[in-house]
Protein backbone atom coordinates (compact mmCIF):
# COMPACT_ATOMS: atom_id res chain seq x y z
CA MET A 1 54.46 30.87 36.94
CA THR A 2 52.06 32.28 39.39
CA VAL A 3 49.52 30.51 41.51
CA GLY A 4 46.76 32.07 39.43
CA PHE A 5 48.14 30.41 36.32
CA PHE A 6 48.04 26.96 37.99
CA ILE A 7 44.50 27.60 39.17
CA THR A 8 43.47 28.53 35.64
CA VAL A 9 45.09 25.39 34.18
CA LEU A 10 43.44 23.22 36.79
CA PHE A 11 40.13 24.90 36.08
CA PHE A 12 40.34 24.10 32.34
CA ILE A 13 41.49 20.55 33.06
CA ALA A 14 38.51 20.09 35.36
CA ILE A 15 36.18 21.47 32.68
CA GLY A 16 37.72 19.14 30.08
CA ILE A 17 37.34 16.12 32.34
CA ALA A 18 33.75 17.11 33.08
CA GLU A 19 33.03 17.54 29.37
CA PHE A 20 34.62 14.17 28.68
CA PHE A 21 32.40 12.49 31.28
CA VAL A 22 29.39 14.38 29.91
CA PHE A 23 30.35 13.22 26.41
CA ILE A 24 30.68 9.60 27.56
CA LYS A 25 27.41 9.85 29.45
CA SER A 26 25.71 11.45 26.47
CA ARG A 27 26.93 8.68 24.21
CA LYS A 28 25.54 6.09 26.60
CA ILE A 29 22.24 7.94 26.81
CA ASN A 30 22.06 8.27 23.04
CA ALA A 31 22.92 4.61 22.61
CA ALA A 32 20.26 3.67 25.15
CA LEU A 33 17.76 5.91 23.39
CA ALA A 34 18.65 4.40 20.04
CA LYS A 35 18.30 0.92 21.49
CA ARG A 36 14.97 1.80 23.06
CA GLU A 37 13.81 3.34 19.76
CA GLU A 38 14.88 0.23 17.90
CA GLU A 39 13.17 -1.98 20.50
CA SER A 40 10.00 0.10 20.29
CA LYS A 41 10.10 -0.09 16.52
CA ARG A 42 10.46 -3.88 16.69
CA LYS A 43 7.65 -4.14 19.26
CA MET A 44 5.42 -2.00 17.07
CA TYR A 45 6.27 -4.22 14.12
CA GLU A 46 5.41 -7.33 16.15
CA MET A 47 2.14 -5.73 17.25
CA GLU A 48 1.33 -4.82 13.66
CA ILE A 49 1.94 -8.41 12.54
CA LEU A 50 -0.15 -9.81 15.40
CA ARG A 51 -2.91 -7.30 14.63
CA GLU A 52 -2.92 -8.33 10.99
CA LEU A 53 -2.97 -11.98 12.03
CA GLY A 54 -5.98 -11.19 14.22
CA ASP A 55 -7.72 -9.46 11.32
CA LYS A 56 -7.16 -12.54 9.16
CA ILE A 57 -8.46 -15.05 11.69
CA GLY A 58 -11.90 -15.26 10.12
CA TYR A 59 -10.40 -15.63 6.66
CA SER A 60 -7.46 -18.07 6.63
CA LEU A 61 -4.45 -18.75 8.79
CA GLY A 62 -2.46 -21.41 7.00
CA ALA A 63 1.34 -21.40 7.08
CA GLN A 64 1.49 -19.57 3.75
CA ASN A 65 -0.73 -16.75 5.01
CA VAL A 66 1.34 -16.34 8.17
CA ILE A 67 4.61 -16.13 6.20
CA GLU A 68 3.23 -13.63 3.71
CA ILE A 69 2.05 -11.41 6.56
CA ILE A 70 5.55 -11.54 8.08
CA ILE A 71 7.50 -10.79 4.88
CA LYS A 72 5.05 -8.10 3.78
CA SER A 73 6.68 -5.45 5.97
CA LEU A 74 10.04 -7.09 6.71
CA ARG A 75 11.76 -4.24 4.92
CA ASP A 76 11.05 -2.07 7.96
CA ILE A 77 13.37 -4.26 10.05
CA VAL A 78 16.22 -5.45 7.82
CA GLU A 79 17.60 -4.62 4.40
CA TYR A 80 17.52 -7.28 1.70
CA ASN A 81 17.39 -7.95 -2.02
CA VAL A 82 15.19 -11.04 -1.82
CA VAL A 83 13.03 -12.49 0.93
CA SER A 84 11.63 -15.98 0.31
CA TYR A 85 9.91 -18.89 1.96
CA MET A 86 9.61 -22.61 1.40
CA LEU A 87 6.71 -24.80 2.57
CA LEU A 88 7.25 -28.50 3.22
CA SER A 89 5.33 -31.58 2.17
CA GLN A 90 6.25 -35.11 1.21
CA GLU A 91 5.08 -34.67 -2.38
CA LYS A 92 6.70 -31.30 -3.18
CA LEU A 93 8.28 -28.11 -1.86
CA VAL A 94 6.53 -24.80 -2.43
CA PHE A 95 9.07 -21.98 -2.99
CA ARG A 96 8.05 -18.30 -3.17
CA ALA A 97 10.52 -15.42 -3.58
CA TYR A 98 9.94 -11.66 -3.46
CA ALA A 99 12.60 -9.27 -4.84
CA GLU A 100 12.54 -5.94 -3.02
CA LYS A 101 15.51 -4.75 -5.11
CA PRO A 102 16.57 -5.85 -8.62
CA ALA A 103 17.64 -9.50 -8.64
CA SER A 104 18.19 -11.97 -11.45
CA LYS A 105 16.63 -15.41 -11.76
CA LYS A 106 20.12 -16.80 -11.19
CA PHE A 107 20.23 -15.00 -7.83
CA ILE A 108 16.82 -16.44 -6.86
CA ALA A 109 17.88 -19.93 -8.01
CA ASP A 110 20.93 -19.62 -5.74
CA VAL A 111 18.66 -18.66 -2.83
CA LYS A 112 16.43 -21.67 -3.53
CA THR A 113 19.44 -24.02 -3.59
CA ARG A 114 20.77 -22.61 -0.32
CA MET A 115 17.34 -23.05 1.29
CA VAL A 116 17.04 -26.71 0.19
CA ASP A 117 20.57 -27.41 1.51
CA TYR A 118 19.84 -25.66 4.81
CA ILE A 119 16.50 -27.47 5.24
CA SER A 120 18.03 -30.86 4.43
CA THR A 121 20.82 -30.28 6.97
CA THR A 122 18.49 -28.90 9.68
CA LEU A 123 15.84 -31.61 9.38
CA LYS A 124 18.33 -34.36 8.53
CA THR A 125 16.24 -35.36 5.53
CA ASP A 126 17.24 -35.20 1.88
CA PHE A 127 14.91 -32.73 0.13
CA LYS A 128 17.17 -32.28 -2.93
CA ASN A 129 15.26 -34.73 -5.12
CA ILE A 130 11.77 -33.54 -4.18
CA PRO A 131 10.01 -31.45 -6.89
CA VAL A 132 9.83 -27.71 -6.20
CA GLU A 133 6.86 -25.56 -7.20
CA GLU A 134 8.47 -22.15 -7.77
CA THR A 135 7.01 -18.63 -8.01
CA SER A 136 8.76 -15.25 -7.85
CA TRP A 137 7.56 -11.66 -8.06
CA GLY A 138 8.80 -8.14 -7.51
CA SER A 139 11.96 -6.74 -9.19
CA VAL A 140 12.99 -9.95 -10.91
CA PHE A 141 14.96 -9.71 -14.18
CA ASP A 142 15.27 -12.32 -16.89
CA GLY A 143 18.73 -11.05 -17.87
CA GLU A 144 21.98 -12.42 -16.44
CA LEU A 145 22.99 -9.75 -13.96
CA ASP A 146 26.33 -10.06 -12.26
CA ASP A 147 24.79 -10.60 -8.84
CA LYS A 148 25.64 -13.18 -6.24
CA VAL A 149 24.28 -13.97 -2.81
CA GLY A 150 26.60 -12.16 -0.42
CA SER A 151 24.56 -12.48 2.79
CA PHE A 152 21.94 -15.12 3.67
CA PHE A 153 20.16 -16.52 6.70
CA CYS A 154 17.22 -18.92 7.13
CA ILE A 155 14.71 -19.30 9.99
CA PRO A 156 12.30 -22.25 10.56
CA LEU A 157 8.56 -21.67 10.88
CA THR A 158 7.14 -23.93 13.62
CA ILE A 159 3.38 -24.14 14.21
CA SER A 160 1.91 -26.45 16.89
CA GLY A 161 5.33 -28.07 17.42
CA LYS A 162 5.76 -28.97 13.76
CA VAL A 163 8.17 -27.34 11.27
CA VAL A 164 5.95 -26.38 8.35
CA GLY A 165 8.37 -24.16 6.41
CA PHE A 166 11.32 -21.79 6.39
CA ILE A 167 11.84 -18.06 5.76
CA SER A 168 15.09 -16.79 4.21
CA VAL A 169 16.56 -13.30 3.76
CA ALA A 170 19.29 -12.67 1.16
CA ASP A 171 21.30 -9.68 -0.05
CA LYS A 172 24.09 -9.06 -2.59
CA ARG A 173 26.28 -7.36 -0.02
CA ALA A 174 28.63 -9.57 1.93
CA ASN A 175 28.58 -9.89 5.72
CA LEU A 176 25.49 -7.71 5.97
CA TYR A 177 23.59 -9.69 8.61
CA LYS A 178 24.87 -9.90 12.14
CA GLU A 179 23.45 -11.79 15.08
CA LYS A 180 21.29 -8.82 15.99
CA GLU A 181 19.36 -8.77 12.68
CA ILE A 182 18.93 -12.54 12.73
CA ASN A 183 17.62 -12.47 16.30
CA ILE A 184 15.19 -9.67 15.48
CA VAL A 185 13.68 -11.54 12.53
CA ASN A 186 13.67 -14.79 14.51
CA GLY A 187 11.84 -13.04 17.37
CA ILE A 188 9.23 -11.72 14.95
CA VAL A 189 8.69 -15.17 13.49
CA GLN A 190 8.42 -16.79 16.94
CA GLN A 191 5.86 -14.19 18.08
CA ALA A 192 3.73 -14.79 15.00
CA THR A 193 3.92 -18.59 15.14
CA GLN A 194 3.13 -18.67 18.87
CA ALA A 195 0.01 -16.58 18.24
CA VAL A 196 -1.06 -18.92 15.43
CA THR A 197 -0.29 -22.02 17.51
CA LYS A 198 -2.52 -20.76 20.36
CA LEU A 199 -5.24 -19.93 17.87
CA GLN A 200 -4.99 -23.35 16.24
CA GLU A 201 -5.25 -25.05 19.63
CA VAL A 202 -8.49 -23.17 20.27
CA VAL A 203 -9.76 -23.91 16.76
CA GLU A 204 -8.85 -27.60 17.04
CA SER A 205 -10.61 -27.82 20.39
CA GLU A 206 -13.73 -26.23 18.95
CA ASN A 207 -13.44 -28.38 15.82
CA SER A 208 -13.20 -31.47 18.01
CA LYS A 209 -16.42 -30.49 19.79
CA LEU A 210 -18.09 -29.67 16.48
CA ASN A 211 -16.95 -32.93 14.88
CA ALA A 212 -18.21 -34.91 17.87
CA MET A 213 -21.55 -33.14 17.62
CA VAL A 214 -21.77 -33.68 13.84
CA ALA A 215 -20.76 -37.34 14.23
CA SER A 216 -23.55 -37.92 16.77
CA MET A 217 -26.27 -36.31 14.65
CA THR A 218 -28.95 -38.64 13.27
CA ASP A 219 -29.18 -36.58 10.08
CA GLY A 220 -26.45 -37.10 7.50
CA ILE A 221 -24.03 -34.16 7.18
CA VAL A 222 -21.59 -33.56 4.31
CA MET A 223 -19.51 -30.39 3.92
CA THR A 224 -17.51 -29.44 0.83
CA ASP A 225 -15.09 -26.61 0.05
CA MET A 226 -15.17 -24.25 -2.92
CA ASP A 227 -13.43 -26.88 -5.08
CA GLU A 228 -16.16 -29.41 -4.18
CA ARG A 229 -13.77 -31.49 -2.10
CA VAL A 230 -15.45 -33.30 0.79
CA LEU A 231 -14.22 -31.90 4.13
CA VAL A 232 -16.67 -33.48 6.56
CA VAL A 233 -18.92 -36.53 6.30
CA ASN A 234 -20.56 -38.01 9.40
CA PRO A 235 -21.48 -41.68 10.02
CA ALA A 236 -25.19 -41.04 9.39
CA ALA A 237 -24.40 -39.71 5.89
CA LYS A 238 -22.12 -42.68 5.13
CA LYS A 239 -24.83 -45.10 6.23
CA ALA A 240 -27.54 -43.38 4.18
CA LEU A 241 -25.34 -43.38 1.08
CA GLY A 242 -24.03 -46.92 1.58
CA LEU A 243 -20.44 -45.69 2.04
CA GLU A 244 -19.66 -47.08 5.53
CA THR A 245 -16.55 -48.93 4.39
CA LYS A 246 -15.11 -46.10 2.30
CA ILE A 247 -12.48 -43.87 3.95
CA GLU A 248 -11.84 -41.15 1.35
CA ILE A 249 -15.15 -39.88 0.00
CA SER A 250 -15.62 -37.58 -3.00
CA VAL A 251 -18.64 -35.78 -4.46
CA LEU A 252 -18.66 -38.47 -7.16
CA ASP A 253 -19.08 -41.14 -4.45
CA ILE A 254 -21.99 -39.17 -2.98
CA ALA A 255 -23.59 -38.92 -6.43
CA LYS A 256 -23.30 -42.71 -6.80
CA GLY A 257 -24.78 -43.19 -3.32
CA LEU A 258 -27.79 -41.09 -4.38
CA LYS A 259 -28.26 -43.52 -7.31
CA GLU A 260 -28.75 -40.72 -9.85
CA LYS A 261 -31.93 -39.60 -8.07
CA LEU A 262 -30.37 -36.15 -7.61
CA ASP A 263 -27.60 -34.35 -9.53
CA ILE A 264 -25.70 -33.45 -6.36
CA LYS A 265 -22.72 -31.86 -8.14
CA ASP A 266 -24.93 -29.52 -10.13
CA LYS A 267 -27.02 -28.60 -7.07
CA ILE A 268 -23.92 -27.85 -4.96
CA ASP A 269 -22.54 -25.61 -7.69
CA GLU A 270 -25.89 -23.83 -8.07
CA SER A 271 -26.28 -23.36 -4.30
CA VAL A 272 -22.79 -21.81 -3.93
CA ARG A 273 -22.94 -19.72 -7.09
CA LEU A 274 -26.43 -18.29 -6.48
CA GLU A 275 -26.14 -18.34 -2.65
CA LYS A 276 -29.47 -20.08 -2.19
CA VAL A 277 -30.76 -23.09 -0.29
CA PHE A 278 -31.99 -26.11 -2.25
CA VAL A 279 -34.52 -28.54 -0.73
CA SER A 280 -35.34 -31.76 -2.56
CA GLU A 281 -38.45 -33.91 -2.54
CA GLU A 282 -38.34 -37.10 -0.47
CA ILE A 283 -36.17 -39.72 -2.13
CA SER A 284 -35.77 -43.40 -1.29
CA LEU A 285 -32.27 -44.59 -0.30
CA GLY A 286 -31.70 -48.14 0.90
CA ASN A 287 -34.32 -48.86 3.56
CA GLY A 288 -35.22 -45.23 4.31
CA PHE A 289 -36.61 -42.00 2.95
CA PHE A 290 -34.53 -38.81 2.91
CA GLN A 291 -34.91 -35.13 2.11
CA ILE A 292 -31.74 -33.48 0.76
CA ILE A 293 -31.01 -29.89 1.87
CA ILE A 294 -28.07 -28.07 0.25
CA SER A 295 -26.95 -24.70 1.63
CA PRO A 296 -23.93 -22.40 0.98
CA VAL A 297 -21.53 -21.72 3.88
CA ARG A 298 -20.05 -18.24 4.31
CA ASP A 299 -17.96 -16.30 6.78
CA ARG A 300 -17.65 -12.53 6.95
CA TRP A 301 -15.38 -12.33 3.92
CA LYS A 302 -16.28 -14.96 1.36
CA ASN A 303 -17.92 -18.28 0.49
CA LEU A 304 -16.28 -21.25 2.20
CA GLY A 305 -18.16 -24.07 0.51
CA CYS A 306 -21.41 -25.93 0.91
CA VAL A 307 -23.17 -28.16 3.45
CA VAL A 308 -25.42 -31.05 2.42
CA VAL A 309 -27.94 -32.38 4.97
CA LEU A 310 -29.58 -35.77 4.43
CA ARG A 311 -32.63 -35.48 6.64
CA ASP A 312 -33.99 -38.91 7.57
CA MET A 313 -37.75 -38.86 6.92
CA THR A 314 -38.23 -42.60 7.54
CA HIS A 315 -39.75 -42.16 11.01
CA GLU A 316 -42.12 -39.44 9.77
CA LYS A 317 -43.22 -41.74 6.93
CA GLU A 318 -43.78 -44.57 9.40
CA VAL A 319 -45.82 -42.31 11.71
CA GLU A 320 -47.81 -41.08 8.72
CA GLN A 321 -48.50 -44.68 7.69
CA ILE A 322 -49.45 -45.62 11.26
CA LYS A 323 -51.92 -42.73 11.39
CA GLU A 324 -53.40 -43.73 8.05
CA ASP A 325 -53.75 -47.34 9.21
CA PHE A 326 -55.21 -46.14 12.51
CA THR A 327 -57.81 -43.98 10.75
CA ALA A 328 -58.80 -46.91 8.55
CA MET A 329 -59.00 -49.17 11.60
CA ILE A 330 -61.16 -46.68 13.54
CA VAL A 331 -63.54 -46.41 10.59
CA HIS A 332 -63.76 -50.21 10.50
CA GLU A 333 -64.21 -50.47 14.29
CA LEU A 334 -67.08 -47.97 14.17
CA ARG A 335 -68.68 -49.22 10.96
CA SER A 336 -69.04 -52.85 12.14
CA PRO A 337 -71.09 -52.13 15.30
CA LEU A 338 -73.09 -49.41 13.51
CA ASP A 339 -73.93 -51.86 10.75
CA SER A 340 -75.04 -54.42 13.35
CA ILE A 341 -77.18 -51.85 15.19
CA LYS A 342 -78.80 -50.82 11.91
CA LYS A 343 -79.65 -54.42 11.00
CA MET A 344 -81.03 -55.17 14.46
CA ALA A 345 -83.15 -52.02 14.37
CA GLU A 346 -84.54 -52.97 10.93
CA LEU A 347 -85.31 -56.48 12.20
CA MET A 348 -87.13 -55.11 15.25
CA ARG A 349 -89.33 -52.91 13.03
CA GLN A 350 -90.92 -56.00 11.54
CA ALA A 351 -94.28 -56.70 13.17
CA ASN A 352 -93.87 -60.45 13.29
CA VAL A 353 -90.60 -60.44 15.33
CA LYS A 354 -90.95 -62.73 18.32
CA LYS A 355 -90.36 -61.41 21.82
CA ALA A 356 -87.30 -63.65 22.33
CA ASN A 357 -85.74 -62.40 19.13
CA ARG A 358 -86.54 -58.83 20.11
CA GLU A 359 -84.70 -59.32 23.42
CA SER A 360 -81.71 -60.76 21.55
CA CYS A 361 -81.69 -57.79 19.17
CA LEU A 362 -81.79 -55.34 22.07
CA GLN A 363 -78.86 -57.15 23.71
CA MET A 364 -76.82 -56.95 20.50
CA ILE A 365 -77.68 -53.26 20.10
CA TYR A 366 -76.59 -52.64 23.69
CA SER A 367 -73.39 -54.65 23.27
CA ASN A 368 -72.37 -52.94 20.01
CA SER A 369 -73.20 -49.46 21.28
CA SER A 370 -71.12 -50.18 24.42
CA ASP A 371 -68.16 -51.14 22.23
CA MET A 372 -68.56 -47.92 20.28
CA LEU A 373 -68.79 -45.89 23.49
CA GLU A 374 -65.63 -47.54 24.83
CA LEU A 375 -63.79 -46.67 21.61
CA ILE A 376 -64.99 -43.05 21.75
CA ASN A 377 -63.94 -42.78 25.41
CA ASN A 378 -60.49 -44.11 24.54
CA LEU A 379 -60.15 -41.57 21.75
CA LEU A 380 -61.21 -38.76 24.11
CA ASN A 381 -58.71 -39.93 26.74
CA ILE A 382 -55.90 -40.01 24.19
CA ALA A 383 -56.88 -36.50 23.05
CA LYS A 384 -56.72 -35.28 26.67
CA ILE A 385 -53.36 -36.97 27.20
CA GLU A 386 -51.94 -35.36 24.02
CA ALA A 387 -53.27 -31.96 25.13
CA GLY A 388 -51.84 -32.37 28.65
CA LYS A 389 -55.33 -32.10 30.17
CA PHE A 390 -55.62 -35.61 31.54
CA GLU A 391 -56.13 -35.36 35.31
CA VAL A 392 -56.26 -37.86 38.15
CA MET A 393 -58.21 -37.24 41.36
CA LYS A 394 -56.36 -39.06 44.14
CA GLN A 395 -58.16 -40.11 47.30
CA LYS A 396 -57.80 -42.74 50.03
CA SER A 397 -58.97 -45.94 48.35
CA SER A 398 -58.72 -49.71 48.77
CA ILE A 399 -56.83 -51.40 45.94
CA LYS A 400 -58.20 -54.76 47.11
CA LYS A 401 -61.83 -53.66 46.71
CA ILE A 402 -61.14 -52.11 43.28
CA ILE A 403 -59.50 -55.33 42.02
CA GLU A 404 -62.26 -57.56 43.43
CA SER A 405 -64.93 -55.44 41.78
CA ARG A 406 -63.14 -55.62 38.41
CA VAL A 407 -62.70 -59.39 38.68
CA LEU A 408 -66.40 -59.76 39.51
CA PHE A 409 -67.32 -57.52 36.54
CA PHE A 410 -65.23 -59.57 34.04
CA ASN A 411 -66.14 -62.94 35.50
CA ILE A 412 -69.14 -63.39 33.17
CA ALA A 413 -66.99 -62.60 30.11
CA ALA A 414 -64.29 -64.98 31.40
CA LYS A 415 -66.81 -67.82 31.76
CA ASP A 416 -68.07 -67.17 28.24
CA VAL A 417 -64.57 -67.81 26.84
CA LYS A 418 -63.95 -70.64 29.37
CA VAL A 419 -61.10 -68.86 31.19
CA ASN A 420 -60.61 -68.96 34.96
CA LEU A 421 -60.30 -65.37 36.31
CA THR A 422 -59.07 -64.95 39.91
CA SER A 423 -57.27 -62.50 42.19
CA GLN A 424 -54.39 -63.02 44.63
CA PHE A 425 -53.17 -60.68 47.40
CA ALA A 426 -50.10 -60.67 49.64
CA ASP A 427 -50.82 -60.47 53.37
CA ASN A 428 -49.14 -57.06 53.85
CA ILE A 429 -51.32 -55.05 51.43
CA PRO A 430 -52.32 -51.71 53.08
CA GLU A 431 -56.00 -51.12 53.72
CA THR A 432 -55.99 -47.83 51.81
CA VAL A 433 -53.60 -45.98 49.51
CA GLU A 434 -53.93 -42.63 47.74
CA PHE A 435 -54.87 -43.09 44.08
CA ASP A 436 -57.67 -42.26 41.65
CA PRO A 437 -60.10 -45.21 41.83
CA ARG A 438 -61.84 -44.30 38.55
CA THR A 439 -58.71 -44.23 36.38
CA ILE A 440 -57.06 -47.22 38.11
CA SER A 441 -60.27 -49.16 37.45
CA GLU A 442 -59.82 -48.23 33.80
CA VAL A 443 -56.22 -49.53 33.93
CA LEU A 444 -57.43 -52.85 35.33
CA ASN A 445 -60.24 -53.01 32.72
CA ASN A 446 -57.70 -52.72 29.91
CA LEU A 447 -55.25 -55.25 31.35
CA ILE A 448 -57.88 -57.85 32.27
CA SER A 449 -59.79 -57.58 28.97
CA ASN A 450 -56.52 -57.92 27.01
CA ALA A 451 -55.53 -60.99 29.06
CA LEU A 452 -58.93 -62.65 28.42
CA LYS A 453 -58.70 -61.81 24.73
CA PHE A 454 -55.33 -63.52 24.28
CA THR A 455 -55.89 -66.55 26.55
CA LYS A 456 -57.11 -69.83 25.04
CA GLU A 457 -59.93 -72.02 26.35
CA ASN A 458 -59.37 -73.58 29.79
CA GLY A 459 -56.64 -71.00 30.46
CA ALA A 460 -56.23 -68.81 33.53
CA VAL A 461 -55.89 -65.09 34.26
CA THR A 462 -54.82 -63.90 37.72
CA VAL A 463 -54.69 -60.36 39.12
CA GLN A 464 -51.82 -60.38 41.65
CA THR A 465 -50.95 -57.70 44.21
CA LEU A 466 -48.13 -57.27 46.73
CA LEU A 467 -46.34 -54.50 48.63
CA HIS A 468 -42.88 -53.83 47.22
CA LYS A 469 -40.25 -52.26 49.50
CA ASN A 470 -37.51 -50.10 48.01
CA GLY A 471 -34.27 -52.03 47.59
CA GLU A 472 -35.89 -55.43 48.12
CA SER A 473 -35.95 -58.21 45.51
CA LEU A 474 -39.33 -58.40 43.79
CA GLU A 475 -38.72 -62.09 43.07
CA LYS A 476 -38.25 -62.85 46.78
CA GLU A 477 -41.29 -60.75 47.74
CA ALA A 478 -43.41 -62.68 45.22
CA LYS A 479 -42.11 -66.01 46.50
CA VAL A 480 -43.00 -65.11 50.10
CA ALA A 481 -46.51 -64.08 48.94
CA GLY A 482 -46.92 -67.33 46.95
CA ILE A 483 -47.22 -65.40 43.68
CA ASN A 484 -46.03 -66.90 40.38
CA TRP A 485 -45.47 -64.68 37.34
CA PHE A 486 -43.21 -64.03 34.33
CA ILE A 487 -41.38 -60.98 35.72
CA LYS A 488 -37.58 -61.24 35.68
CA ALA A 489 -36.59 -57.54 35.48
CA ASP A 490 -34.74 -55.90 38.36
CA ILE A 491 -36.97 -53.09 39.64
CA SER A 492 -35.58 -52.87 43.17
CA ASN A 493 -34.75 -49.17 42.71
CA ILE A 494 -38.38 -47.99 42.65
CA PRO A 495 -39.84 -46.48 45.87
CA ASP A 496 -42.18 -48.32 48.23
CA SER A 497 -45.15 -49.17 46.01
CA LEU A 498 -48.18 -51.33 45.47
CA PHE A 499 -47.22 -53.78 42.73
CA VAL A 500 -50.19 -54.98 40.66
CA ALA A 501 -49.81 -57.55 37.87
CA VAL A 502 -52.20 -59.32 35.52
CA THR A 503 -50.73 -62.71 34.56
CA ASP A 504 -52.12 -65.11 31.96
CA ASN A 505 -51.05 -68.44 30.46
CA GLY A 506 -52.11 -67.46 26.99
CA ALA A 507 -50.36 -67.06 23.66
CA GLY A 508 -47.52 -64.85 24.86
CA ILE A 509 -45.82 -62.01 23.00
CA ALA A 510 -42.79 -62.09 20.69
CA PRO A 511 -39.65 -60.43 22.17
CA ASP A 512 -39.44 -57.87 19.36
CA GLN A 513 -42.99 -56.73 20.17
CA ILE A 514 -42.53 -56.06 23.91
CA ASN A 515 -41.01 -52.58 23.46
CA ARG A 516 -43.85 -51.55 21.14
CA LEU A 517 -46.68 -52.47 23.52
CA PHE A 518 -47.29 -49.09 25.13
CA ASN A 519 -47.00 -47.01 21.93
CA LYS A 520 -50.13 -45.32 20.66
CA PHE A 521 -51.90 -46.88 17.65
CA ILE A 522 -49.77 -50.07 17.79
CA GLN A 523 -51.10 -53.47 18.78
CA ALA A 524 -48.65 -56.27 19.55
CA LYS A 525 -48.73 -59.24 17.20
CA SER A 526 -49.09 -62.64 18.77
CA THR A 527 -47.61 -65.77 17.26
CA PHE A 528 -50.73 -67.78 18.04
CA VAL A 529 -53.73 -65.50 17.63
CA GLU A 530 -54.73 -62.39 15.78
CA LYS A 531 -57.21 -60.16 17.59
CA SER A 532 -58.64 -56.84 16.50
CA GLY A 533 -58.07 -53.73 18.54
CA THR A 534 -57.16 -50.06 18.36
CA GLY A 535 -53.88 -50.24 20.25
CA LEU A 536 -55.02 -47.32 22.42
CA GLY A 537 -55.65 -49.22 25.64
CA LEU A 538 -52.07 -49.77 26.80
CA ALA A 539 -51.08 -46.21 25.83
CA ILE A 540 -53.87 -44.96 28.12
CA VAL A 541 -52.73 -47.38 30.86
CA LYS A 542 -49.19 -45.98 30.65
CA SER A 543 -50.39 -42.36 30.90
CA ILE A 544 -52.68 -43.06 33.86
CA VAL A 545 -50.02 -44.92 35.85
CA GLU A 546 -47.31 -42.34 35.11
CA SER A 547 -49.74 -39.61 36.23
CA HIS A 548 -49.74 -41.41 39.57
CA GLY A 549 -45.92 -41.42 39.62
CA GLY A 550 -45.76 -45.15 38.90
CA THR A 551 -44.26 -47.31 36.17
CA VAL A 552 -45.68 -49.90 33.75
CA GLY A 553 -44.11 -52.88 32.03
CA ALA A 554 -44.62 -56.30 30.56
CA GLU A 555 -42.75 -59.58 30.25
CA SER A 556 -43.68 -62.68 28.33
CA ILE A 557 -42.66 -66.11 27.12
CA GLU A 558 -44.15 -67.14 23.79
CA GLY A 559 -46.51 -70.07 24.17
CA LYS A 560 -46.57 -69.82 27.98
CA GLY A 561 -48.14 -66.48 28.76
CA SER A 562 -47.56 -62.87 29.80
CA THR A 563 -47.49 -60.58 32.83
CA PHE A 564 -48.47 -56.91 32.57
CA TYR A 565 -47.73 -54.90 35.67
CA PHE A 566 -47.97 -51.39 37.12
CA THR A 567 -46.88 -49.73 40.35
CA LEU A 568 -48.52 -47.14 42.60
CA PRO A 569 -46.12 -45.32 44.99
CA ILE A 570 -47.34 -45.22 48.57
């Protein structure tokens, strides 16, 4: 054999070896490509499931919906005769089976049995005696086909850390499913449940905020689903309906709470069916008045149920009554002095009226017209306050001179009712402070006149003034100044201020009336005396002092007296 022959043989051997390596390499490449294609296909399938889950977010994302989305296109991943799922609860198991290929009821019953056994073993709980609600669809035959479960695997469905159900895949062929197929389906399930778990965490967080908001609302809120089951009921609704002690509340309970004043069941049904809002007239429940508003609730896809709002109208009714009483009182307050003026004028027209009587009539006309003018001024001030047009003109003024002038002005009235009216000043009162002397005089007028009105004969009214330093004890400051009053509140946190108080030893005020003192149209009721009045004075006092940046308040002991005070920041 020649050298050429050996070269040729070596050449072909080299080619064969090269082709073999190329073949091996090609197989690896093809295998890698197939694996990548399979991986891409699985990823696309996962993305499709997640996309569909996202599309369903506004509709419903219970365990059943998640499973049905998964099994809907499971055929693209694995082959099977029947895919099924089982949802767990303590009362029953919900079993659903879909036959992609012909399968008998015996085959599906075998799948169900295998699932119950697998679930019982996995969860270490006996589910064999729990009732099963069963449904099957697809290519299911009633006849007895000679088919048996040859291949079967089951995967748990875990949402928010809790196993809510299982998915199973079954086929007639034996040994069909390997670890690869099981892992693929398991990966799909895990991807879907993780997405739902994250969504539920967000939803639960938002629901928690919403529930907290609903619970804190003063109006009663009740929400029902399409089957008229009560989903939400806040404390205000329970209180209005007299259901505070009841835990599980139904529409029937709500109807009973409404005491047959409204057919709530019929109105809910009408609101949902016709998609309209129903608003009732005011109805009386317990100690309040309520307006019932019923409205359908929808999302983008369908009706979700109905919301019932019990709007508390009690305060509005009280305000309406207060305004009616106030109007009647104003009419009375104006009619009495007008009637007196008319009678005095008629008396003065008589030719034989003596000069002394004429002077008395003129004094009464002046007095009654002054009362009317004061009432009109109060009404105008309240109107300005309500309109935000009440202004104060601050200037350097002496609080001591203002108080002394007011005490001198009311001294005649105090002597008439046999009450001792005095003033008292601490040594460190500044000579001048910036405030509006006209409106502060009006504040003092109201406080002094009220004190005289509610103080009995031989009583005393004192206008007391000191300089309060921020952070200091008002009680100690008063003690140093030799001032005695009924103030016990801690007001050390207010800035450096003039502290002015009008203290009397009169009838005093009931504790439940103190908080009502500075409300418009409301006059505090005394245990010992009943005096007429509009209730506007203290409301005006409050507005004037707050316009100066100060505060007002009152404290009292029934039978011993009261102290009304205000502050002026310096």
